[in-house]
Amino acid sequence: MTHEEIRALLLAINNQGKECGPIDAIINAHLIHIQHRIKELVALEEQRKELNAFCSADRSIDKCCIVQKLTADESDSDLSLTAPTNHLGGH
């Protein structure tokens, strides 16, 4: 959780006697973020497995299948090599 989310939780907790809707909303939003991040990480894992499958031998850099795949024209590549987004805390 981000510092902002923790502060919001503490503020909601200190409002004793009031409804817990704000707490539920914060936790639900964080859960959605976690689920999204898991999907991104699974996709990243699959991309890396696919890259790893391109090369199974020691070769020079200019003959490395992984390097060739990574540096191929984007239109020729079926791998999406973009970095995951929306990491916890906005990083």
C-alpha atoms as a PDB file:
ATOM      1  CA  MET A   1       0.000   0.000   0.000  1.00  0.00           C
ATOM      2  CA  THR A   2       1.135   3.539  -0.636  1.00  0.00           C
ATOM      3  CA  HIS A   3       1.707   6.051   2.130  1.00  0.00           C
ATOM      4  CA  GLU A   4      -1.337   7.908   0.907  1.00  0.00           C
ATOM      5  CA  GLU A   5      -3.513   4.786   1.183  1.00  0.00           C
ATOM      6  CA  ILE A   6      -2.188   4.071   4.675  1.00  0.00           C
ATOM      7  CA  ARG A   7      -2.907   7.651   5.754  1.00  0.00           C
ATOM      8  CA  ALA A   8      -6.437   7.377   4.339  1.00  0.00           C
ATOM      9  CA  LEU A   9      -6.950   4.116   6.222  1.00  0.00           C
ATOM     10  CA  LEU A  10      -5.698   5.616   9.482  1.00  0.00           C
ATOM     11  CA  LEU A  11      -7.953   8.619   9.021  1.00  0.00           C
ATOM     12  CA  ALA A  12     -10.943   6.357   8.366  1.00  0.00           C
ATOM     13  CA  ILE A  13     -10.084   4.197  11.391  1.00  0.00           C
ATOM     14  CA  ASN A  14      -9.868   7.285  13.621  1.00  0.00           C
ATOM     15  CA  ASN A  15     -13.412   8.236  12.614  1.00  0.00           C
ATOM     16  CA  GLN A  16     -14.833   5.760  15.119  1.00  0.00           C
ATOM     17  CA  GLY A  17     -18.564   5.273  15.059  1.00  0.00           C
ATOM     18  CA  LYS A  18     -18.858   6.156  11.400  1.00  0.00           C
ATOM     19  CA  GLU A  19     -19.421   3.768   8.535  1.00  0.00           C
ATOM     20  CA  CYS A  20     -16.548   1.649   7.229  1.00  0.00           C
ATOM     21  CA  GLY A  21     -17.319   2.349   3.564  1.00  0.00           C
ATOM     22  CA  PRO A  22     -14.140   4.395   3.033  1.00  0.00           C
ATOM     23  CA  ILE A  23     -12.033   1.551   4.441  1.00  0.00           C
ATOM     24  CA  ASP A  24     -13.748  -0.962   2.169  1.00  0.00           C
ATOM     25  CA  ALA A  25     -13.202   1.317  -0.832  1.00  0.00           C
ATOM     26  CA  ILE A  26      -9.477   1.688  -0.121  1.00  0.00           C
ATOM     27  CA  ILE A  27      -9.000  -2.061   0.319  1.00  0.00           C
ATOM     28  CA  ASN A  28     -11.066  -2.872  -2.789  1.00  0.00           C
ATOM     29  CA  ALA A  29      -9.079  -0.399  -4.903  1.00  0.00           C
ATOM     30  CA  HIS A  30      -5.833  -1.927  -3.669  1.00  0.00           C
ATOM     31  CA  LEU A  31      -7.107  -5.436  -4.418  1.00  0.00           C
ATOM     32  CA  ILE A  32      -7.937  -4.395  -7.981  1.00  0.00           C
ATOM     33  CA  HIS A  33      -4.411  -2.985  -8.313  1.00  0.00           C
ATOM     34  CA  ILE A  34      -2.926  -6.257  -7.026  1.00  0.00           C
ATOM     35  CA  GLN A  35      -4.999  -8.305  -9.482  1.00  0.00           C
ATOM     36  CA  HIS A  36      -3.908  -6.063 -12.360  1.00  0.00           C
ATOM     37  CA  ARG A  37      -0.265  -6.316 -11.293  1.00  0.00           C
ATOM     38  CA  ILE A  38      -0.473 -10.114 -11.123  1.00  0.00           C
ATOM     39  CA  LYS A  39      -1.775 -10.180 -14.709  1.00  0.00           C
ATOM     40  CA  GLU A  40       1.111  -7.948 -15.799  1.00  0.00           C
ATOM     41  CA  LEU A  41       3.650 -10.159 -14.034  1.00  0.00           C
ATOM     42  CA  VAL A  42       2.220 -13.344 -15.569  1.00  0.00           C
ATOM     43  CA  ALA A  43       2.432 -11.729 -19.022  1.00  0.00           C
ATOM     44  CA  LEU A  44       6.004 -10.633 -18.295  1.00  0.00           C
ATOM     45  CA  GLU A  45       6.888 -14.162 -17.191  1.00  0.00           C
ATOM     46  CA  GLU A  46       5.477 -15.580 -20.438  1.00  0.00           C
ATOM     47  CA  GLN A  47       7.449 -13.048 -22.500  1.00  0.00           C
ATOM     48  CA  ARG A  48      10.664 -13.977 -20.735  1.00  0.00           C
ATOM     49  CA  LYS A  49       9.998 -17.699 -21.150  1.00  0.00           C
ATOM     50  CA  GLU A  50       9.417 -17.122 -24.855  1.00  0.00           C
ATOM     51  CA  LEU A  51      12.652 -15.145 -25.149  1.00  0.00           C
ATOM     52  CA  ASN A  52      14.535 -17.817 -23.246  1.00  0.00           C
ATOM     53  CA  ALA A  53      13.223 -20.479 -25.647  1.00  0.00           C
ATOM     54  CA  PHE A  54      14.848 -18.694 -28.607  1.00  0.00           C
ATOM     55  CA  CYS A  55      18.350 -19.599 -27.575  1.00  0.00           C
ATOM     56  CA  SER A  56      19.715 -22.682 -25.897  1.00  0.00           C
ATOM     57  CA  ALA A  57      23.440 -22.469 -26.624  1.00  0.00           C
ATOM     58  CA  ASP A  58      26.392 -20.230 -25.929  1.00  0.00           C
ATOM     59  CA  ARG A  59      26.870 -17.962 -28.914  1.00  0.00           C
ATOM     60  CA  SER A  60      28.526 -14.672 -29.651  1.00  0.00           C
ATOM     61  CA  ILE A  61      26.368 -11.601 -29.076  1.00  0.00           C
ATOM     62  CA  ASP A  62      25.910 -11.023 -32.806  1.00  0.00           C
ATOM     63  CA  LYS A  63      24.518 -14.562 -33.164  1.00  0.00           C
ATOM     64  CA  CYS A  64      22.396 -14.514 -29.984  1.00  0.00           C
ATOM     65  CA  CYS A  65      18.781 -15.297 -30.828  1.00  0.00           C
ATOM     66  CA  ILE A  66      17.517 -13.382 -27.801  1.00  0.00           C
ATOM     67  CA  VAL A  67      19.375 -10.218 -28.819  1.00  0.00           C
ATOM     68  CA  GLN A  68      18.137 -10.623 -32.395  1.00  0.00           C
ATOM     69  CA  LYS A  69      14.554 -10.951 -31.183  1.00  0.00           C
ATOM     70  CA  LEU A  70      14.854  -7.963 -28.857  1.00  0.00           C
ATOM     71  CA  THR A  71      16.370  -5.763 -31.551  1.00  0.00           C
ATOM     72  CA  ALA A  72      14.087  -6.897 -34.390  1.00  0.00           C
ATOM     73  CA  ASP A  73      11.846  -4.351 -36.050  1.00  0.00           C
ATOM     74  CA  GLU A  74       8.732  -4.005 -33.888  1.00  0.00           C
ATOM     75  CA  SER A  75       6.493  -4.882 -36.838  1.00  0.00           C
ATOM     76  CA  ASP A  76       8.346  -8.197 -37.203  1.00  0.00           C
ATOM     77  CA  SER A  77       8.007  -9.084 -33.534  1.00  0.00           C
ATOM     78  CA  ASP A  78       5.044 -10.722 -31.859  1.00  0.00           C
ATOM     79  CA  LEU A  79       6.550 -10.047 -28.436  1.00  0.00           C
ATOM     80  CA  SER A  80       5.336  -7.030 -26.556  1.00  0.00           C
ATOM     81  CA  LEU A  81       8.423  -5.835 -24.716  1.00  0.00           C
ATOM     82  CA  THR A  82       6.867  -2.862 -22.985  1.00  0.00           C
ATOM     83  CA  ALA A  83       7.381  -2.479 -19.272  1.00  0.00           C
ATOM     84  CA  PRO A  84       4.475  -3.063 -16.921  1.00  0.00           C
ATOM     85  CA  THR A  85       2.699   0.052 -15.749  1.00  0.00           C
ATOM     86  CA  ASN A  86       1.006   1.252 -12.618  1.00  0.00           C
ATOM     87  CA  HIS A  87       3.395  -0.347 -10.197  1.00  0.00           C
ATOM     88  CA  LEU A  88       2.400   0.114  -6.571  1.00  0.00           C
ATOM     89  CA  GLY A  89       3.157   3.643  -5.532  1.00  0.00           C
ATOM     90  CA  GLY A  90       3.123   4.861  -9.141  1.00  0.00           C
ATOM     91  CA  HIS A  91       6.553   3.458 -10.034  1.00  0.00           C
END
